[in-house]
Amino acid sequence: MFCADTKYDESLLPHIQDADLIYHETTYLDNLRERAEERFHSTTKQAAELALKGGVKKLLIGHFSSKYDTLEEFEAEAREVFPNTELALEGVCFEV
């Protein structure tokens, strides 16, 4: 399941319930939650909260804003809420 270019939306929960893997955009870190909402994007913690509420097994996060120089903070922040989170990076393969 892909949740891309969307702000936090719990109406997605029935579609992701118990999924093995979802991809969710995390354009901004959570300190820019307001900006994310204004621009119809999600933050790291919002994607992780949706994965947790949906009972999914693994969360891939991506679609990061180019304003950030590094991505480690995205993974760390999401893992605070949903530990089984990985960065969706170009060329990386994931086993389901």
C-alpha atoms as a PDB file:
ATOM      1  CA  MET A   1       0.000   0.000   0.000  1.00  0.00           C
ATOM      2  CA  PHE A   2       1.260   3.471  -0.878  1.00  0.00           C
ATOM      3  CA  CYS A   3       0.249   6.580   1.068  1.00  0.00           C
ATOM      4  CA  ALA A   4       1.943   9.289  -0.956  1.00  0.00           C
ATOM      5  CA  ASP A   5       1.451  13.025  -1.260  1.00  0.00           C
ATOM      6  CA  THR A   6      -1.179  12.994   1.437  1.00  0.00           C
ATOM      7  CA  LYS A   7      -1.608  14.580   4.800  1.00  0.00           C
ATOM      8  CA  TYR A   8      -2.401  12.486   7.879  1.00  0.00           C
ATOM      9  CA  ASP A   9      -5.731  10.798   7.234  1.00  0.00           C
ATOM     10  CA  GLU A  10      -7.186   8.064   9.417  1.00  0.00           C
ATOM     11  CA  SER A  11      -9.674   7.167   6.687  1.00  0.00           C
ATOM     12  CA  LEU A  12      -6.738   5.211   5.208  1.00  0.00           C
ATOM     13  CA  LEU A  13      -6.780   2.805   8.167  1.00  0.00           C
ATOM     14  CA  PRO A  14      -9.227   0.246   6.698  1.00  0.00           C
ATOM     15  CA  HIS A  15      -7.051   0.067   3.570  1.00  0.00           C
ATOM     16  CA  ILE A  16      -3.792  -0.590   5.414  1.00  0.00           C
ATOM     17  CA  GLN A  17      -5.119  -2.738   8.270  1.00  0.00           C
ATOM     18  CA  ASP A  18      -2.670  -5.570   9.039  1.00  0.00           C
ATOM     19  CA  ALA A  19      -0.625  -4.936   5.872  1.00  0.00           C
ATOM     20  CA  ASP A  20       2.784  -6.578   5.653  1.00  0.00           C
ATOM     21  CA  LEU A  21       4.319  -3.358   4.352  1.00  0.00           C
ATOM     22  CA  ILE A  22       3.215   0.201   3.662  1.00  0.00           C
ATOM     23  CA  TYR A  23       5.055   3.117   2.127  1.00  0.00           C
ATOM     24  CA  HIS A  24       4.114   6.502   3.539  1.00  0.00           C
ATOM     25  CA  GLU A  25       5.505   9.885   2.656  1.00  0.00           C
ATOM     26  CA  THR A  26       7.197  11.853   5.412  1.00  0.00           C
ATOM     27  CA  THR A  27       8.028  15.124   3.760  1.00  0.00           C
ATOM     28  CA  TYR A  28       8.805  16.892   7.036  1.00  0.00           C
ATOM     29  CA  LEU A  29      10.064  16.122  10.506  1.00  0.00           C
ATOM     30  CA  ASP A  30       7.415  16.482  13.180  1.00  0.00           C
ATOM     31  CA  ASN A  31       8.503  19.952  14.332  1.00  0.00           C
ATOM     32  CA  LEU A  32       7.066  21.205  11.004  1.00  0.00           C
ATOM     33  CA  ARG A  33       3.680  19.501  11.445  1.00  0.00           C
ATOM     34  CA  GLU A  34       1.815  22.745  10.739  1.00  0.00           C
ATOM     35  CA  ARG A  35       3.680  23.303   7.479  1.00  0.00           C
ATOM     36  CA  ALA A  36       3.039  19.687   6.481  1.00  0.00           C
ATOM     37  CA  GLU A  37      -0.684  20.123   7.067  1.00  0.00           C
ATOM     38  CA  GLU A  38      -0.797  23.378   5.070  1.00  0.00           C
ATOM     39  CA  ARG A  39       0.947  21.705   2.140  1.00  0.00           C
ATOM     40  CA  PHE A  40      -1.016  18.423   2.315  1.00  0.00           C
ATOM     41  CA  HIS A  41       1.951  16.353   3.436  1.00  0.00           C
ATOM     42  CA  SER A  42       2.720  14.179   6.449  1.00  0.00           C
ATOM     43  CA  THR A  43       5.429  14.156   9.089  1.00  0.00           C
ATOM     44  CA  THR A  44       7.514  11.264  10.307  1.00  0.00           C
ATOM     45  CA  LYS A  45       5.495  10.757  13.461  1.00  0.00           C
ATOM     46  CA  GLN A  46       2.182  10.991  11.625  1.00  0.00           C
ATOM     47  CA  ALA A  47       3.201   8.212   9.231  1.00  0.00           C
ATOM     48  CA  ALA A  48       4.399   6.114  12.160  1.00  0.00           C
ATOM     49  CA  GLU A  49       1.163   6.736  14.089  1.00  0.00           C
ATOM     50  CA  LEU A  50      -0.883   5.591  11.102  1.00  0.00           C
ATOM     51  CA  ALA A  51       1.228   2.424  10.759  1.00  0.00           C
ATOM     52  CA  LEU A  52       0.830   1.698  14.458  1.00  0.00           C
ATOM     53  CA  LYS A  53      -2.940   2.241  14.416  1.00  0.00           C
ATOM     54  CA  GLY A  54      -3.212   0.122  11.273  1.00  0.00           C
ATOM     55  CA  GLY A  55      -1.361  -2.803  12.806  1.00  0.00           C
ATOM     56  CA  VAL A  56       1.039  -2.971   9.874  1.00  0.00           C
ATOM     57  CA  LYS A  57       4.197  -5.027  10.080  1.00  0.00           C
ATOM     58  CA  LYS A  58       6.702  -2.695   8.376  1.00  0.00           C
ATOM     59  CA  LEU A  59       6.761   0.991   7.440  1.00  0.00           C
ATOM     60  CA  LEU A  60       8.855   2.482   4.653  1.00  0.00           C
ATOM     61  CA  ILE A  61       9.132   6.255   4.658  1.00  0.00           C
ATOM     62  CA  GLY A  62      10.120   8.537   1.809  1.00  0.00           C
ATOM     63  CA  HIS A  63       9.306  11.663  -0.236  1.00  0.00           C
ATOM     64  CA  PHE A  64      11.554  13.782   1.970  1.00  0.00           C
ATOM     65  CA  SER A  65      11.740  17.553   1.552  1.00  0.00           C
ATOM     66  CA  SER A  66      14.921  18.728  -0.153  1.00  0.00           C
ATOM     67  CA  LYS A  67      15.368  21.247   2.677  1.00  0.00           C
ATOM     68  CA  TYR A  68      17.029  18.476   4.720  1.00  0.00           C
ATOM     69  CA  ASP A  69      20.689  17.569   4.197  1.00  0.00           C
ATOM     70  CA  THR A  70      20.522  14.202   5.975  1.00  0.00           C
ATOM     71  CA  LEU A  71      17.775  11.630   6.519  1.00  0.00           C
ATOM     72  CA  GLU A  72      18.840   9.846   9.713  1.00  0.00           C
ATOM     73  CA  GLU A  73      16.567  12.030  11.815  1.00  0.00           C
ATOM     74  CA  PHE A  74      13.541  10.918   9.773  1.00  0.00           C
ATOM     75  CA  GLU A  75      14.184   7.276  10.589  1.00  0.00           C
ATOM     76  CA  ALA A  76      14.937   7.969  14.258  1.00  0.00           C
ATOM     77  CA  GLU A  77      11.845  10.107  14.760  1.00  0.00           C
ATOM     78  CA  ALA A  78       9.514   7.588  13.096  1.00  0.00           C
ATOM     79  CA  ARG A  79      11.037   4.705  15.075  1.00  0.00           C
ATOM     80  CA  GLU A  80      10.136   6.461  18.335  1.00  0.00           C
ATOM     81  CA  VAL A  81       6.522   5.621  17.478  1.00  0.00           C
ATOM     82  CA  PHE A  82       6.878   2.639  15.126  1.00  0.00           C
ATOM     83  CA  PRO A  83      10.181   0.764  15.572  1.00  0.00           C
ATOM     84  CA  ASN A  84       9.967  -1.307  12.376  1.00  0.00           C
ATOM     85  CA  THR A  85      10.547   1.697  10.111  1.00  0.00           C
ATOM     86  CA  GLU A  86      13.088   2.012   7.313  1.00  0.00           C
ATOM     87  CA  LEU A  87      14.013   4.737   4.870  1.00  0.00           C
ATOM     88  CA  ALA A  88      12.869   4.115   1.311  1.00  0.00           C
ATOM     89  CA  LEU A  89      16.051   4.990  -0.542  1.00  0.00           C
ATOM     90  CA  GLU A  90      16.664   4.718  -4.261  1.00  0.00           C
ATOM     91  CA  GLY A  91      18.058   1.331  -5.280  1.00  0.00           C
ATOM     92  CA  VAL A  92      17.339  -0.405  -1.984  1.00  0.00           C
ATOM     93  CA  CYS A  93      15.305  -3.636  -2.074  1.00  0.00           C
ATOM     94  CA  PHE A  94      13.087  -4.787   0.778  1.00  0.00           C
ATOM     95  CA  GLU A  95      11.941  -8.296   1.515  1.00  0.00           C
ATOM     96  CA  VAL A  96       8.265  -8.759   2.338  1.00  0.00           C
END
